[in-house]
Amino acid sequence: ERILQTRALAGTTLASPRVRALESGKVPHAVVMLDLDKTSLYGNDGNDLPLSLQWQDKPHSVVEQLYKLLVSPNIRPALNLIHGQAEEVTVTIYTRRPQVVHYTSPHRQEPVRLLFNAAWHQGGQLLLPGHVKTAADMMREYSGEALLTEERRDVEKILERLLAARDAVASELGLSYTPSVVVTATGKVVEGTAAALGLPGEHAVLFDDNTDLASNAKVVSVEPLNSLPEHQRQRVLAFMQRHLPAEHLTEDLREFLLGAHPAECSVRTNAVTHALEWHVPAPATPLKLWANPGLRPTRNALPQRPCLALDWATSTRPRARAGKGSALILCAAA
């Protein structure tokens, strides 16, 4: 009875994820890293659909609404699975977008390295904390080479799309916090990046469509999201036509969109009317759910049951042993 009272009084210690994991058989803390393009989001940054809205000066709120329509329906079921395998789960975005790290400007011969708050740059990656809410917040921290007015506006639009994508994922998952975003221009290192974020890497897992990462034990390979389920596809097409009718595209935007790779082209000419229309490919097969990472505790890494230093404990209490000074240490029952 005394031990039960002690456990209740010290609940914040004994109810830690690692202790709960001992009792539940779950892992203490899972870190879920989500790739953006063709994994958490349709296409390569939505195959220029969000960019088109920006190009023609649509409100940022409209861009944010579009991203919510482009989120993969697979991310919520995947996170639900992991919640069933871990006592605590932290979600972060891990995306390869070289233009955010080394900006290629049409006005320069060489790319410009984009530098912000020095604390955000580690190992060639940009680690963006969740408290950064807007692209304007980021640009206030800009410390790199001076940008031309046109370049600065372009960079800010790139960052607006990045943060809108982050927020759309967080909204779909119902997160109570804004996840960190890690942007790289090269390969991805799961455990090292978790450590850089101050998170445990032991049970970190990355969901990514990049086949080069398929052999990595920390990566769950997913099929590229090159199309959307039919009901979601129709919602996207209707949204685009409502906010930016295809027949009203400026000539320069039309040329830009038509110059995309055929598999990523977001406009096409209607075979019957010969009018330009928005295009999202119809799915050839039903969308497959992502694989279960099957997180399991590492038995030899489990901690010993905690011992609590209690100043008020007495030598008559069960399983007590002398500690320093007047305090005794009461060990939780194994």
Protein backbone atom coordinates (compact mmCIF):
# COMPACT_ATOMS: atom_id res chain seq x y z
CA GLU A 1 0.00 0.00 0.00
CA ARG A 2 2.83 2.39 0.87
CA ILE A 3 4.51 1.68 -2.46
CA LEU A 4 1.26 2.37 -4.31
CA GLN A 5 0.95 5.68 -2.48
CA THR A 6 4.51 6.53 -3.42
CA ARG A 7 3.79 5.73 -7.08
CA ALA A 8 0.75 8.02 -7.02
CA LEU A 9 2.60 10.89 -5.39
CA ALA A 10 5.54 10.55 -7.77
CA GLY A 11 3.37 9.94 -10.83
CA THR A 12 5.17 12.43 -13.03
CA THR A 13 8.36 10.40 -12.63
CA LEU A 14 6.99 6.88 -12.75
CA ALA A 15 4.59 7.72 -15.61
CA SER A 16 7.39 8.76 -17.97
CA PRO A 17 7.27 7.23 -21.46
CA ARG A 18 10.20 4.90 -20.72
CA VAL A 19 8.55 3.55 -17.57
CA ARG A 20 5.17 3.16 -19.25
CA ALA A 21 6.93 1.33 -22.08
CA LEU A 22 8.20 -1.26 -19.59
CA GLU A 23 4.63 -2.06 -18.64
CA SER A 24 2.97 -1.80 -22.06
CA GLY A 25 5.56 -3.45 -24.30
CA LYS A 26 5.62 -0.35 -26.50
CA VAL A 27 8.69 1.67 -27.46
CA PRO A 28 9.19 4.73 -25.21
CA HIS A 29 9.47 7.40 -27.89
CA ALA A 30 8.99 7.14 -31.64
CA VAL A 31 10.16 9.89 -33.97
CA VAL A 32 8.18 9.98 -37.22
CA MET A 33 9.86 11.79 -40.10
CA LEU A 34 7.72 12.57 -43.13
CA ASP A 35 9.07 13.39 -46.56
CA LEU A 36 6.95 15.97 -48.36
CA ASP A 37 7.04 15.68 -52.16
CA LYS A 38 5.31 12.57 -53.56
CA THR A 39 5.10 11.15 -50.03
CA SER A 40 3.03 13.39 -47.76
CA LEU A 41 1.97 15.62 -50.66
CA TYR A 42 0.72 14.97 -54.16
CA GLY A 43 3.38 15.38 -56.81
CA ASN A 44 6.50 17.50 -56.72
CA ASP A 45 5.30 20.35 -54.48
CA GLY A 46 1.82 19.79 -55.86
CA ASN A 47 3.15 19.81 -59.43
CA ASP A 48 3.15 23.62 -59.51
CA LEU A 49 -0.50 24.05 -58.52
CA PRO A 50 0.36 26.12 -55.40
CA LEU A 51 2.99 28.04 -57.36
CA SER A 52 0.35 28.93 -59.95
CA LEU A 53 -1.81 30.55 -57.30
CA GLN A 54 1.17 32.56 -56.06
CA TRP A 55 2.16 33.52 -59.60
CA GLN A 56 -1.18 35.22 -60.12
CA ASP A 57 -1.17 36.85 -56.68
CA LYS A 58 -3.90 34.82 -55.03
CA PRO A 59 -4.16 35.30 -51.23
CA HIS A 60 -1.87 33.13 -49.14
CA SER A 61 -4.93 31.74 -47.37
CA VAL A 62 -6.01 30.22 -50.70
CA VAL A 63 -2.58 28.60 -51.11
CA GLU A 64 -2.90 27.14 -47.62
CA GLN A 65 -6.35 25.73 -48.43
CA LEU A 66 -4.99 24.06 -51.55
CA TYR A 67 -2.17 22.33 -49.67
CA LYS A 68 -4.73 20.77 -47.32
CA LEU A 69 -6.36 19.19 -50.38
CA LEU A 70 -3.02 17.83 -51.61
CA VAL A 71 -2.09 15.87 -48.46
CA SER A 72 -1.75 12.11 -48.82
CA PRO A 73 -4.62 10.16 -47.22
CA ASN A 74 -1.98 7.69 -46.00
CA ILE A 75 -0.31 9.83 -43.37
CA ARG A 76 -3.05 9.63 -40.75
CA PRO A 77 -3.39 5.79 -40.81
CA ALA A 78 0.41 5.50 -40.64
CA LEU A 79 0.61 7.74 -37.58
CA ASN A 80 -2.25 5.87 -35.93
CA LEU A 81 -0.27 2.64 -36.30
CA ILE A 82 2.77 4.18 -34.65
CA HIS A 83 0.71 5.57 -31.79
CA GLY A 84 -0.22 1.97 -31.11
CA GLN A 85 3.47 1.03 -30.90
CA ALA A 86 4.91 3.93 -28.89
CA GLU A 87 4.14 5.70 -25.63
CA GLU A 88 5.22 9.06 -27.08
CA VAL A 89 5.35 10.13 -30.72
CA THR A 90 7.01 13.20 -32.22
CA VAL A 91 6.37 14.13 -35.85
CA THR A 92 8.83 16.13 -37.92
CA ILE A 93 9.09 17.00 -41.62
CA TYR A 94 12.23 15.87 -43.45
CA THR A 95 12.33 17.04 -47.05
CA ARG A 96 14.89 17.36 -49.82
CA ARG A 97 14.43 20.77 -51.41
CA PRO A 98 17.79 22.04 -52.69
CA GLN A 99 16.32 25.43 -53.67
CA VAL A 100 15.75 26.21 -49.97
CA VAL A 101 19.41 25.54 -49.19
CA HIS A 102 21.13 26.73 -52.38
CA TYR A 103 18.88 29.15 -54.25
CA THR A 104 19.30 29.21 -58.02
CA SER A 105 18.61 32.70 -59.31
CA PRO A 106 18.02 33.63 -62.96
CA HIS A 107 20.06 36.77 -62.25
CA ARG A 108 23.29 34.99 -61.20
CA GLN A 109 25.79 32.51 -62.52
CA GLU A 110 26.15 30.61 -59.23
CA PRO A 111 23.60 29.47 -56.64
CA VAL A 112 23.21 31.56 -53.49
CA ARG A 113 23.51 29.77 -50.17
CA LEU A 114 20.53 30.84 -48.10
CA LEU A 115 21.55 31.50 -44.51
CA PHE A 116 19.21 32.31 -41.67
CA ASN A 117 19.59 32.06 -37.89
CA ALA A 118 22.94 30.33 -37.30
CA ALA A 119 21.31 27.89 -34.85
CA TRP A 120 19.13 26.57 -37.67
CA HIS A 121 22.07 25.36 -39.76
CA GLN A 122 23.70 22.04 -38.88
CA GLY A 123 25.63 19.65 -41.09
CA GLY A 124 24.52 21.32 -44.31
CA GLN A 125 20.86 21.01 -43.35
CA LEU A 126 18.32 23.66 -42.37
CA LEU A 127 16.58 22.78 -39.09
CA LEU A 128 13.53 24.99 -38.81
CA PRO A 129 11.90 25.04 -35.34
CA GLY A 130 8.15 24.93 -34.98
CA HIS A 131 7.91 28.38 -33.43
CA VAL A 132 8.71 29.90 -36.83
CA LYS A 133 5.22 30.53 -38.19
CA THR A 134 5.63 32.47 -41.43
CA ALA A 135 8.03 33.10 -44.27
CA ALA A 136 8.30 36.69 -43.06
CA ASP A 137 9.58 35.32 -39.73
CA MET A 138 12.27 33.43 -41.63
CA MET A 139 13.26 36.38 -43.77
CA ARG A 140 13.74 38.51 -40.66
CA GLU A 141 16.42 35.98 -39.69
CA TYR A 142 18.10 36.04 -43.10
CA SER A 143 21.85 36.54 -42.79
CA GLY A 144 23.19 35.40 -46.16
CA GLU A 145 24.35 37.21 -49.25
CA ALA A 146 22.27 40.26 -50.14
CA LEU A 147 19.40 39.43 -52.47
CA LEU A 148 17.89 41.48 -55.25
CA THR A 149 14.29 42.56 -54.75
CA GLU A 150 13.07 39.96 -57.26
CA GLU A 151 15.19 37.26 -55.63
CA ARG A 152 13.97 38.10 -52.16
CA ARG A 153 10.35 37.86 -53.28
CA ASP A 154 11.02 34.51 -54.98
CA VAL A 155 12.73 33.10 -51.89
CA GLU A 156 9.87 34.26 -49.69
CA LYS A 157 7.36 32.52 -51.97
CA ILE A 158 9.42 29.29 -51.79
CA LEU A 159 9.37 29.50 -48.00
CA GLU A 160 5.63 30.26 -47.95
CA ARG A 161 4.99 27.02 -49.86
CA LEU A 162 7.26 25.05 -47.53
CA LEU A 163 5.50 26.29 -44.40
CA ALA A 164 2.04 25.90 -45.93
CA ALA A 165 2.90 22.26 -46.71
CA ARG A 166 4.11 21.77 -43.12
CA ASP A 167 0.94 23.27 -41.70
CA ALA A 168 -1.28 21.17 -43.98
CA VAL A 169 0.40 17.97 -42.74
CA ALA A 170 0.05 19.09 -39.12
CA SER A 171 -3.64 19.86 -39.69
CA GLU A 172 -4.32 16.48 -41.31
CA LEU A 173 -2.67 14.70 -38.39
CA GLY A 174 -4.44 16.82 -35.78
CA LEU A 175 -1.15 17.73 -34.09
CA SER A 176 -1.28 19.99 -31.06
CA TYR A 177 2.12 21.44 -31.97
CA THR A 178 3.83 22.72 -35.10
CA PRO A 179 6.40 20.15 -36.24
CA SER A 180 10.00 21.00 -36.93
CA VAL A 181 11.07 21.00 -40.58
CA VAL A 182 14.44 19.73 -41.76
CA VAL A 183 15.46 20.69 -45.28
CA THR A 184 18.40 19.07 -47.02
CA ALA A 185 19.98 19.44 -50.43
CA THR A 186 21.68 16.03 -50.32
CA GLY A 187 21.00 12.65 -48.72
CA LYS A 188 19.01 12.00 -45.57
CA VAL A 189 20.47 10.71 -42.30
CA VAL A 190 17.69 9.62 -39.96
CA GLU A 191 19.38 9.02 -36.61
CA GLY A 192 21.83 11.90 -36.95
CA THR A 193 19.04 14.31 -37.84
CA ALA A 194 16.94 13.12 -34.89
CA ALA A 195 19.91 13.81 -32.62
CA ALA A 196 20.34 17.29 -34.14
CA LEU A 197 16.70 17.98 -33.23
CA GLY A 198 17.30 16.79 -29.67
CA LEU A 199 15.19 13.67 -30.25
CA PRO A 200 16.02 9.99 -29.66
CA GLY A 201 17.06 8.21 -32.83
CA GLU A 202 16.65 4.64 -31.62
CA HIS A 203 13.05 4.40 -32.82
CA ALA A 204 13.11 7.09 -35.49
CA VAL A 205 11.53 6.18 -38.82
CA LEU A 206 11.35 8.07 -42.11
CA PHE A 207 8.54 7.60 -44.63
CA ASP A 208 9.94 8.43 -48.07
CA ASP A 209 9.32 7.61 -51.74
CA ASN A 210 13.02 7.85 -52.65
CA THR A 211 14.07 4.39 -53.83
CA ASP A 212 17.71 5.20 -53.02
CA LEU A 213 16.76 4.93 -49.35
CA ALA A 214 14.91 1.62 -49.66
CA SER A 215 17.70 -0.44 -48.09
CA ASN A 216 17.92 1.81 -45.02
CA ALA A 217 16.47 0.05 -41.97
CA LYS A 218 15.21 3.41 -40.67
CA VAL A 219 13.18 4.12 -43.81
CA VAL A 220 9.72 2.90 -44.78
CA SER A 221 9.58 3.08 -48.58
CA VAL A 222 6.28 4.29 -50.02
CA GLU A 223 4.91 4.49 -53.53
CA PRO A 224 5.26 7.96 -55.07
CA LEU A 225 2.00 9.92 -54.82
CA ASN A 226 1.70 10.80 -58.51
CA SER A 227 -2.09 10.81 -58.47
CA LEU A 228 -4.91 11.23 -55.97
CA PRO A 229 -7.98 9.15 -55.11
CA GLU A 230 -10.79 10.15 -57.47
CA HIS A 231 -12.88 12.09 -54.93
CA GLN A 232 -9.82 14.03 -53.76
CA ARG A 233 -8.68 14.60 -57.34
CA GLN A 234 -12.03 16.11 -58.27
CA ARG A 235 -11.94 18.41 -55.24
CA VAL A 236 -8.50 19.71 -56.28
CA LEU A 237 -9.57 20.33 -59.87
CA ALA A 238 -12.75 22.12 -58.78
CA PHE A 239 -10.76 24.23 -56.29
CA MET A 240 -8.26 25.32 -58.93
CA GLN A 241 -10.93 26.17 -61.47
CA ARG A 242 -12.88 28.16 -58.87
CA HIS A 243 -9.92 30.21 -57.66
CA LEU A 244 -7.88 30.39 -60.86
CA PRO A 245 -9.79 29.38 -64.02
CA ALA A 246 -7.39 27.74 -66.46
CA GLU A 247 -8.60 29.96 -69.29
CA HIS A 248 -7.48 33.02 -67.30
CA LEU A 249 -3.84 32.04 -66.90
CA THR A 250 -1.33 34.63 -67.99
CA GLU A 251 0.70 33.75 -71.05
CA ASP A 252 3.96 33.43 -69.14
CA LEU A 253 2.41 31.10 -66.53
CA ARG A 254 0.80 29.01 -69.26
CA GLU A 255 4.15 28.57 -70.97
CA PHE A 256 5.84 27.72 -67.69
CA LEU A 257 3.28 25.04 -66.82
CA LEU A 258 3.28 23.49 -70.27
CA GLY A 259 7.07 23.24 -70.09
CA ALA A 260 6.94 20.79 -67.17
CA HIS A 261 7.80 17.11 -67.48
CA PRO A 262 4.76 15.36 -69.00
CA ALA A 263 4.28 13.24 -65.87
CA GLU A 264 4.15 16.40 -63.72
CA CYS A 265 2.27 18.77 -66.03
CA SER A 266 -0.69 20.33 -64.24
CA VAL A 267 -2.49 21.69 -67.31
CA ARG A 268 -3.55 20.12 -70.60
CA THR A 269 -5.65 20.87 -73.65
CA ASN A 270 -9.11 19.32 -73.55
CA ALA A 271 -9.44 16.82 -76.39
CA VAL A 272 -13.02 17.91 -77.16
CA THR A 273 -13.17 21.65 -76.48
CA HIS A 274 -9.46 22.31 -77.13
CA ALA A 275 -9.52 24.64 -74.13
CA LEU A 276 -6.81 24.64 -71.51
CA GLU A 277 -7.81 22.84 -68.30
CA TRP A 278 -6.26 21.86 -64.97
CA HIS A 279 -4.95 18.32 -64.82
CA VAL A 280 -4.37 15.83 -62.01
CA PRO A 281 -3.81 12.25 -63.23
CA ALA A 282 -6.51 9.71 -62.42
CA PRO A 283 -5.23 6.82 -60.29
CA ALA A 284 -4.37 3.71 -62.29
CA THR A 285 -4.80 1.49 -59.21
CA PRO A 286 -6.19 2.02 -55.70
CA LEU A 287 -3.83 3.79 -53.34
CA LYS A 288 -1.94 1.33 -51.13
CA LEU A 289 -1.55 1.98 -47.43
CA TRP A 290 1.99 2.54 -46.20
CA ALA A 291 3.81 -0.38 -44.65
CA ASN A 292 3.77 -0.85 -40.89
CA PRO A 293 7.22 -0.04 -39.44
CA GLY A 294 6.57 -2.55 -36.64
CA LEU A 295 8.44 -0.70 -33.89
CA ARG A 296 9.52 -2.98 -31.04
CA PRO A 297 11.34 -2.24 -27.77
CA THR A 298 15.03 -3.06 -27.61
CA ARG A 299 15.05 -5.35 -24.59
CA ASN A 300 18.70 -4.93 -23.66
CA ALA A 301 18.30 -1.14 -23.78
CA LEU A 302 15.41 -0.96 -21.32
CA PRO A 303 16.25 1.02 -18.19
CA GLN A 304 16.17 -0.28 -14.64
CA ARG A 305 13.07 0.58 -12.64
CA PRO A 306 13.60 4.05 -11.18
CA CYS A 307 14.50 4.65 -7.57
CA LEU A 308 13.02 7.69 -5.91
CA ALA A 309 14.91 9.73 -3.34
CA LEU A 310 12.31 10.57 -0.68
CA ASP A 311 13.27 12.75 2.26
CA TRP A 312 10.19 11.69 4.18
CA ALA A 313 10.71 7.92 3.82
CA THR A 314 11.43 5.91 6.97
CA SER A 315 13.34 2.70 7.51
CA THR A 316 10.08 0.86 8.30
CA ARG A 317 8.78 1.26 4.76
CA PRO A 318 9.09 -1.74 2.40
CA ARG A 319 12.07 -2.18 0.15
CA ALA A 320 13.82 0.92 1.47
CA ARG A 321 17.55 1.31 1.74
CA ALA A 322 19.70 4.05 3.15
CA GLY A 323 20.66 6.94 0.94
CA LYS A 324 22.77 10.01 1.54
CA GLY A 325 21.94 12.15 4.54
CA SER A 326 18.48 11.71 5.98
CA ALA A 327 16.91 10.66 2.67
CA LEU A 328 16.16 7.06 1.81
CA ILE A 329 15.67 5.62 -1.63
CA LEU A 330 12.48 3.71 -2.34
CA CYS A 331 12.73 1.42 -5.35
CA ALA A 332 9.64 0.64 -7.36
CA ALA A 333 8.69 -3.02 -7.38
CA ALA A 334 10.15 -4.90 -10.30
